Amino acid sequence: IMASTAAGKQRIPKVAKVKNKAPAEVQITAEQLLREAKERELELLPPPPKQKITDAEELNDYKLKKRKGFEDNIRKNRTVISNWIKYAQWEESLKEVQRARSIYERALDVDHRNITLWLKYAEMEMKNRQVNHARNIWDRAITILPRVNQFWYKYTYMEEMLGNIAGCRQVFERWMEWEPEEQAWHSYINFELRYKEVDKSRTLVMVHPEVKNWIKYAHFEEKHGYIARARKVFERAVEFFGEEHINENLYVAFSRFEEKQKEFERVRIIYKYALDRIPKQQAQELFKNYTVFEKRFGDRRGIEDVIVSKRRFQYEEEVKASPHNYDAWFDYLRLVESDTDADTVREVYERAIANIPPIQEKRHWRRYIYLWINYALYEELEVKDPERTRQVYQACLELIPHKKFTFAKIWLLYAQFEIRQKNLQNARRGLGTAIGKCPKNKLFKGYIELELQLREFDRCRKLYEKYLEFSPENCTTWIKFAELETILGDTDRARAIFELAIGQPRLDMPEVLWKSYIDSAIEQEEYESTRGLYKRLLQRTQHVKVWISYGQFELSIDSDDRIQRCRQIYEEANKSMQNCEEKEERLMLLESWRDFEDELGSFANKERVRKLLPEKVKKRRKITAEDGSDAGWEEYYDYIFPEDAANQPNLKLLAMAKMWKKQQQDEDEDEEEDPQRIHPS
C-alpha cells in the first residue's frame, strides 16, 4: 500500500508557476473572439449541391420531394403564412398556376385578414394575365378589408392600366363611400383630371374640411382658370370656419391669391380682417406676410399701419393678461393717440379707466389716476371738446373716495381747466368743494396761488385764515401770510401775524419762523424791536447760532458802539454757555468771537479770547454692546476749557503732570547733546 501511495504521489503533475505575470503585447477582446467565430462558421458552411434534372421522372421525383417538404412545414404550423407564400410562389415558378391558386385559397381559409397574402395572390393573377381572376380577388379583398387602402390603390391602378376607365371610376366611387383619408380623395381627383373631367372633380364631396383641403380646392379652380370660383371657395372657407376656428394659413393663402390677381385693396382688407380676429401668438406668419406685402405694394403710411397694428396686438395681449398693469395701458394709449381716430382712443381710455384698483389705498391709485388726467388732457388739447373734458374731470372726482384719500392734483387741474374756459365761478366752486371735503396743504397753496394771480388779496387773506385753522403748526404758511401783508404795506398786520405764529404751542419749524420774523424787523429797520426779538428767542433757546446771529446783527448796525455791543453779546453768550454740555457749540462760539476780535479787536482782546479757547485732548471710554456686554474701548476727542480747568482740582493735577513730563523730555534731550555732563544726585 505504501509503495502504491508513493507511486501515486509521483504520478501527480506539478502546477507550473507563472513567472512572467505582465500583460501580453497583443490583447484579444471578447468581441473579436465572437467576430472571428462567426466568420469561420460562415466559411465552414459547404455550398449547396447543384442538381441537374435530365428526364421527366427525375423532375416528378423532385416535385414530389419539394411538395412533401412544403406540406410538412404547413402541417407543423399552419399559421405561419410565409410557408404558404413560399409554397405558392414555388408552384408559380413551375407554371402550376392552378396549384398555386389552390394553395392561396387554402391559406386564406387559415387567415383571411392577412394583407400580404391577398396582395401576393392578386399579383400572381396579374402576372399571369388572369384579369378576371385578379378582379375577383380584389373585390373579395376590399369587401373583407375595406379600410386597407393598399387594396383600393392597386385595384384602381390595375383598372386604369387596362383602360377600363368606367370600371376604375366605379371602384373609386365604392371607395369614397367609406370616407377614406385625404390622399384617397386626391387620387380620385387626379384620376378625373387625367381624363379632363373637371366638373366631376369639382362635385366631389369635402369629407375632410380642413384648411389645407380648402386651399387645394381653391388652387384647383385657379389652375384651371376659374378665378371667380377660386375666390368663392376662399370666401366659403372663411364663412365655414367663422371666428371661432379661424386659421392664419387660410388668410395667407387667400391674400396671396388676391395678390396674384392684382387686387391690392382686397389683400389689405383680408390682412386687416384677419389681424383683428386672430390672437397675436397665432398670427406671426400673417404679420410677416402683411409686412412684406406693404413693403412691396404699399406706401409709407401702409407700412406704418402694419407696424402699429402689430404693436396694438402686443398691447392688447398685455392688457388682457394683466388689466391692472397701468403702464401697459399708458403705452397702448400713446400708440392709439398717435395713429387712430378720436372714437377709438376714447374707447381705449374707457376700457382703461374701467379697471379701478381693487383696494382703496392711495399707493394703488397713484398710477391709475394719471389715466384720468391723460384722458382729460386728450379731450381738451387734441379733440378740443371742453364739455366732454368737464365730464371726465367730474366723473374722476366722483370716483375718488375722498373720505379716505384724495388727489389735490385733480382738483387743481380741474380748476385750471375752468379758468382756461373763462369760467372762474366753476373753478372757485371746485376748489371750495375740495377744501370742504378733503383739505390738504397742496389744495390751499394752489387756491391761494390762483387768487394771487387774479390779485384777489381779500380772498387770499380768507384762504390763509382757513389754511391756518386747518394747520396752525405750519410755519411756512405763517411766513407766507406775513410776507403777503408786508408786500401789501400793512406791516402792523404782518407783525401781528408773526406774534400769533410764535405764540402757537406747536410748530414744525420754529427756527425758520423766528428767522423770518427777525429778518422782517431788520428790513423795516426796527432795531429795538429786533433786539427784543433776539432776547425773547434767547429766553426760549440758548443755541449758539442765535448768539452768533445776534452778535452779527449788532455788528451790522451803523452806530458808534456797535463793536462794544457785539463784544458784550459774545461775553454774555460765553457766560451762559459755560454749563452747556455740547462743547462743540461753545467752541464754535469762541471761534466766531476770535474771528471778530481778529478783524476789529485790539491785541489785548485777542489774547483774552485766545486764552479762553479750549485744549483738544484724546480720551478713551468703554463701549457697551446692545445686549449689555463689554465691546471694548474707543478713542474720542474732548475739549478742556481753561475756565473749567481752574474750577476742577483733578484738571490742575493733570496739567502739572503734563508740565513735569515735558520737563523730563527736555532734560533727556540735554543729556543727548552733552553726555559728559554730570547731574547732581
Foldseek 3Di string as FASTA:
>chain_A
DVVVVVVVVVPDDDDDDDDDPDDDPDDDDPVNVVVVVVVVVVVPDDDDDDDDDDDPVVVVVVVVVVVVVLVVVCVVPVLPVVSLLVVLVVCVVVVVNVVSLVSLVVNCVVPVLDPVSLVSNLVSCVVVVVVVVSLVSLVVNCVVPVQPVVSLVVNLVVCVVVVVLVVSLVSLVVNCVVVHDPVSLVVSLVSCVVVPNNVVNLPDDCPPLDLVVLLVSLVSCVVVPNLVVSLVSLVVNCVVCDLVNDAQVSLLSNLVSVVVVVNLVVSVVSLVVVLVRDQLVRCPVSLVSQLVSCVVPNDPLSNVVSVLSSVLSVLVVVCVVPVLPLVSLVVNLVSCVVPHDPVVSVVSLVSNLVCDDPDLDVVSCPSSVVSLVVVLCCCCPPVVDLVVSLVSLVVSVVPRPLVVHDDLVSLLVNLVSCVVVVNNVVNVVSLVVCCVRHNDPVSLVSVLVVCVVVVVVVVNLVSLVSVCVVPVQELVSLLVNLVSCVVVPNNVVSLVSLVVNQPDPHHDCVVVSLVSNLVVCVVVVVVVVSVVSLVVVCVVPLFLVSLLVVLVVLCPDPDDCSLVVSVVSLVVSLVVCPPPPPVVSSLVSLVSVLVSCVVDNDPVSNVVSVLFHWDKDKDKDWDADPVRHTPGMDIDIDTGTPVNLVVDVVSVVVVVVVVVVVVVVVVVVVCVVPVPDDDDD
